[in-house]
Protein backbone atom coordinates (compact mmCIF):
# COMPACT_ATOMS: atom_id res chain seq x y z
CA MET A 1 0.00 0.00 0.00
CA SER A 2 1.44 3.40 -1.08
CA ALA A 3 0.52 6.93 -0.21
CA LEU A 4 -1.28 7.24 -3.53
CA GLY A 5 -3.44 4.27 -2.83
CA PRO A 6 -3.28 0.67 -3.89
CA THR A 7 -0.92 0.10 -6.80
CA ALA A 8 -2.55 -1.45 -9.84
CA PRO A 9 -1.02 -4.83 -10.53
CA ARG A 10 0.81 -5.27 -13.87
CA VAL A 11 -1.26 -7.68 -15.93
CA TRP A 12 0.28 -9.86 -18.73
CA GLY A 13 -2.67 -11.15 -20.61
CA GLU A 14 -2.99 -12.91 -23.95
CA ASP A 15 -2.08 -9.71 -25.78
CA ALA A 16 1.18 -9.40 -23.87
CA LEU A 17 2.04 -13.05 -24.54
CA ALA A 18 1.29 -12.59 -28.21
CA LEU A 19 3.56 -9.55 -28.21
CA ALA A 20 6.38 -11.53 -26.65
CA LEU A 21 5.93 -14.24 -29.29
CA LEU A 22 6.05 -11.63 -32.04
CA CYS A 23 9.26 -10.23 -30.59
CA LEU A 24 10.83 -13.69 -30.65
CA LEU A 25 9.65 -14.35 -34.18
CA GLY A 26 10.81 -10.94 -35.25
CA GLY A 27 14.31 -11.69 -34.05
CA ALA A 28 14.31 -14.99 -35.95
CA GLY A 29 13.11 -13.28 -39.08
CA GLY A 30 15.49 -10.35 -38.99
CA MET A 31 12.82 -7.83 -37.80
CA ALA A 32 13.79 -5.02 -35.38
CA TRP A 33 10.95 -4.81 -32.91
CA SER A 34 10.85 -2.06 -30.18
CA ILE A 35 8.52 -1.94 -27.19
CA ASP A 36 7.63 1.66 -26.46
CA THR A 37 5.46 1.20 -23.39
CA VAL A 38 3.61 -1.41 -21.46
CA ALA A 39 0.65 0.22 -19.73
CA ALA A 40 -0.33 -0.74 -16.24
CA ALA A 41 -3.82 -2.09 -15.94
CA THR A 42 -6.38 -0.15 -13.92
CA PRO A 43 -9.94 -1.13 -13.05
CA ASP A 44 -11.29 1.39 -15.55
CA ALA A 45 -8.61 0.90 -18.23
CA THR A 46 -8.83 -2.83 -18.91
CA ALA A 47 -8.99 -2.19 -22.66
CA THR A 48 -5.34 -1.18 -22.67
CA ALA A 49 -4.07 -3.60 -20.07
CA GLY A 50 -0.85 -5.32 -21.04
CA THR A 51 -0.70 -3.81 -24.52
CA ALA A 52 2.30 -2.25 -26.15
CA THR A 53 2.97 -0.02 -29.13
CA VAL A 54 5.02 -1.97 -31.62
CA THR A 55 6.97 -0.42 -34.49
CA ALA A 56 8.85 -2.20 -37.21
CA ALA A 57 12.00 -0.13 -37.29
CA SER A 58 13.61 -0.37 -40.70
CA ALA A 59 12.28 -3.92 -41.06
CA PRO A 60 12.21 -5.15 -44.68
CA ALA A 61 8.96 -6.65 -45.82
CA ALA A 62 9.15 -10.42 -45.80
CA THR A 63 8.28 -12.25 -48.97
CA PRO A 64 7.29 -15.91 -49.24
CA SER A 65 10.38 -16.73 -51.31
CA ALA A 66 12.90 -14.86 -49.13
CA ALA A 67 15.45 -16.89 -47.20
CA VAL A 68 15.41 -16.52 -43.42
CA PRO A 69 18.77 -15.02 -42.31
CA GLY A 70 20.26 -16.41 -39.18
CA ALA A 71 17.80 -19.28 -39.01
CA GLY A 72 20.48 -21.79 -40.05
CA ALA A 73 18.56 -22.99 -43.12
CA ALA A 74 19.43 -22.40 -46.74
CA ALA A 75 16.93 -21.23 -49.28
CA VAL A 76 15.19 -24.18 -50.91
CA SER A 77 13.99 -23.97 -54.46
CA PRO A 78 10.83 -25.80 -55.53
CA ALA A 79 12.88 -27.97 -57.89
CA THR A 80 14.87 -29.44 -55.00
CA ALA A 81 12.26 -29.31 -52.24
CA GLY A 82 11.92 -32.64 -50.51
CA GLY A 83 15.25 -34.00 -51.74
CA ALA A 84 17.61 -33.87 -54.66
CA ALA A 85 16.09 -33.36 -58.06
CA MET A 86 15.81 -36.64 -59.93
CA ALA A 87 16.97 -36.72 -63.53
CA ALA A 88 14.48 -37.96 -66.08
CA PRO A 89 15.17 -41.60 -66.99
CA ALA A 90 16.90 -42.03 -70.32
CA PRO A 91 14.86 -43.77 -73.00
CA ALA A 92 15.65 -47.41 -73.54
CA SER A 93 18.30 -47.82 -76.16
CA THR A 94 17.57 -49.89 -79.23
CA PRO A 95 20.19 -51.78 -81.23
CA ALA A 96 21.40 -49.84 -84.21
CA THR A 97 20.52 -51.41 -87.56
CA PRO A 98 23.19 -50.83 -90.18
CA SER A 99 21.74 -49.01 -93.16
CA ASP A 100 24.57 -49.87 -95.55
CA CYS A 101 25.01 -53.64 -95.45
CA PRO A 102 26.75 -55.53 -98.24
CA PRO A 103 24.41 -57.15 -100.82
CA LEU A 104 25.67 -60.67 -100.22
CA PHE A 105 24.22 -63.73 -101.94
CA GLY A 106 24.77 -67.46 -102.27
CA VAL A 107 25.91 -69.57 -105.22
CA ALA A 108 24.61 -73.12 -105.89
CA PHE A 109 26.49 -76.07 -107.38
CA GLN A 110 25.56 -79.43 -108.82
CA ARG A 111 26.82 -82.60 -107.18
CA GLY A 112 30.60 -82.94 -107.62
CA ALA A 113 30.75 -79.71 -109.70
CA THR A 114 33.27 -76.93 -109.24
CA THR A 115 31.65 -74.54 -111.70
CA PRO A 116 28.62 -72.68 -110.38
CA GLU A 117 25.24 -73.21 -111.96
CA ALA A 118 24.73 -69.49 -112.50
CA ILE A 119 25.82 -66.18 -111.01
CA ASP A 120 23.68 -63.09 -111.49
CA ASP A 121 25.78 -60.38 -113.14
CA ASP A 122 23.74 -57.62 -111.50
CA ALA A 123 24.30 -59.18 -108.07
CA VAL A 124 28.04 -59.33 -108.70
CA ALA A 125 28.13 -55.70 -109.87
CA ALA A 126 26.19 -54.50 -106.80
CA LEU A 127 28.56 -56.25 -104.42
CA VAL A 128 31.59 -54.91 -106.31
CA ARG A 129 30.25 -51.36 -105.91
CA TRP A 130 29.79 -51.92 -102.19
CA LEU A 131 33.37 -53.16 -101.88
CA GLU A 132 34.61 -50.11 -103.75
CA SER A 133 32.82 -47.83 -101.28
CA HIS A 134 34.21 -49.81 -98.34
CA PRO A 135 37.94 -50.08 -99.11
CA ARG A 136 38.78 -51.75 -95.80
CA SER A 137 36.36 -54.63 -96.30
CA VAL A 138 37.47 -58.06 -97.47
CA LEU A 139 35.20 -60.49 -99.31
CA VAL A 140 35.35 -63.99 -97.80
CA VAL A 141 34.20 -66.71 -100.21
CA GLN A 142 33.30 -69.87 -98.27
CA GLY A 143 32.94 -73.13 -100.18
CA HIS A 144 30.73 -75.94 -98.83
CA ALA A 145 29.98 -79.55 -99.80
CA ASP A 146 27.48 -82.18 -98.78
CA ALA A 147 28.45 -85.31 -96.83
CA SER A 148 27.92 -87.85 -99.60
CA GLY A 149 31.65 -88.53 -100.15
CA ARG A 150 34.80 -88.77 -98.09
CA ALA A 151 35.49 -85.81 -95.81
CA SER A 152 38.89 -85.14 -97.40
CA TYR A 153 37.39 -85.15 -100.89
CA ASN A 154 34.56 -82.84 -99.82
CA PHE A 155 37.03 -80.43 -98.27
CA THR A 156 39.01 -80.17 -101.50
CA LEU A 157 35.80 -79.87 -103.51
CA SER A 158 34.56 -77.00 -101.34
CA HIS A 159 37.88 -75.20 -101.79
CA ARG A 160 37.70 -75.45 -105.56
CA ARG A 161 34.16 -74.07 -105.50
CA ALA A 162 35.30 -71.12 -103.39
CA ARG A 163 38.17 -70.38 -105.74
CA ALA A 164 35.86 -70.44 -108.78
CA VAL A 165 33.58 -67.77 -107.28
CA ALA A 166 36.50 -65.70 -105.98
CA LYS A 167 37.94 -65.68 -109.51
CA ARG A 168 34.69 -64.16 -110.76
CA PHE A 169 35.02 -61.21 -108.40
CA ARG A 170 38.66 -60.67 -109.23
CA ALA A 171 37.70 -60.58 -112.90
CA ALA A 172 35.11 -57.91 -112.01
CA GLY A 173 37.85 -55.64 -110.69
CA VAL A 174 38.19 -56.53 -107.01
CA ALA A 175 41.82 -56.70 -105.91
CA ALA A 176 43.09 -60.24 -105.25
CA SER A 177 44.17 -59.18 -101.75
CA ARG A 178 40.55 -58.36 -100.92
CA VAL A 179 39.06 -61.71 -101.99
CA VAL A 180 39.77 -64.74 -99.80
CA ALA A 181 38.72 -68.29 -100.76
CA GLN A 182 37.97 -70.47 -97.75
CA ALA A 183 37.17 -74.21 -97.69
CA VAL A 184 34.63 -75.50 -95.16
CA GLY A 185 33.93 -78.98 -96.58
CA GLU A 186 30.99 -80.84 -95.10
CA PHE A 187 31.49 -79.50 -91.56
CA GLN A 188 29.03 -76.59 -91.56
CA PRO A 189 25.85 -77.99 -93.09
CA ARG A 190 22.62 -76.05 -93.08
CA VAL A 191 20.36 -77.27 -90.29
CA GLY A 192 17.52 -79.32 -91.74
CA ALA A 193 18.78 -78.89 -95.32
CA GLY A 194 19.18 -81.64 -97.88
CA PRO A 195 22.44 -82.49 -99.66
CA GLU A 196 21.71 -80.27 -102.66
CA GLU A 197 21.40 -77.18 -100.40
CA ASN A 198 24.86 -77.80 -98.95
CA ARG A 199 26.56 -77.77 -102.35
CA ARG A 200 27.09 -74.06 -102.21
CA VAL A 201 29.30 -71.03 -101.80
CA VAL A 202 28.49 -68.43 -99.18
CA LEU A 203 29.72 -64.84 -99.45
CA ARG A 204 30.66 -62.91 -96.33
CA ALA A 205 32.32 -59.55 -95.73
CA THR A 206 34.51 -58.00 -93.06
CA GLU A 207 33.96 -54.46 -91.72
CA ALA A 208 30.21 -55.09 -91.80
CA ASP A 209 29.44 -55.51 -88.11
CA GLY A 210 25.75 -55.98 -87.39
CA CYS A 211 24.93 -56.98 -90.96
CA PRO A 212 23.78 -60.41 -92.10
CA GLY A 213 26.82 -62.34 -93.31
CA ALA A 214 29.33 -60.18 -91.45
CA PHE A 215 32.68 -61.93 -91.00
CA THR A 216 34.59 -61.29 -87.78
CA VAL A 217 37.89 -62.37 -86.29
CA GLU A 218 36.10 -65.00 -84.17
CA ASP A 219 34.79 -66.63 -87.35
CA ASN A 220 38.34 -67.32 -88.47
CA ARG A 221 39.41 -69.17 -85.31
């Protein structure tokens, strides 16, 4: 009790608590908050009890995209929110199909014959043109035979067939070093084929990876 009468108690109501919370949040958000006065509550001045005048001294306006200084967190962009941005999956690759394969063909023979039945001149010319446009390629001429005779005889027969066809390409202008005659004999028959279908010459080419009839190093082992 004072000489002026009973002192009005200082009341901290919900408004004062809200003010304190704003001050704390203002410090976290970089705001400079100043409390000018805190009025004492009186029985007839309850409307102003526990209130304060708050000014935002030189406080920049906060924007939704602004980073919060001093809060220990870096700005997060929408692209990386919730974790690292995931790259779009690459489309499934498809095997490349060569667009410039050699126009290879087969040559048939009669039983015991070393001269081919027929060779299409246009087919020969087309393959010669391909070889000219692919100077690193080598034409491999593989001779085959059926299994009706001795294996040694069939091997020699298949070699003579291969040489006969190789000679045709050399006569058409292909260098001898780029035409190889190879004997197979009866050892690589066509699956399910009869004897007449194994009396043949098969043409193959190097430097034609991915093409039908391509000849690789593994084929020569």
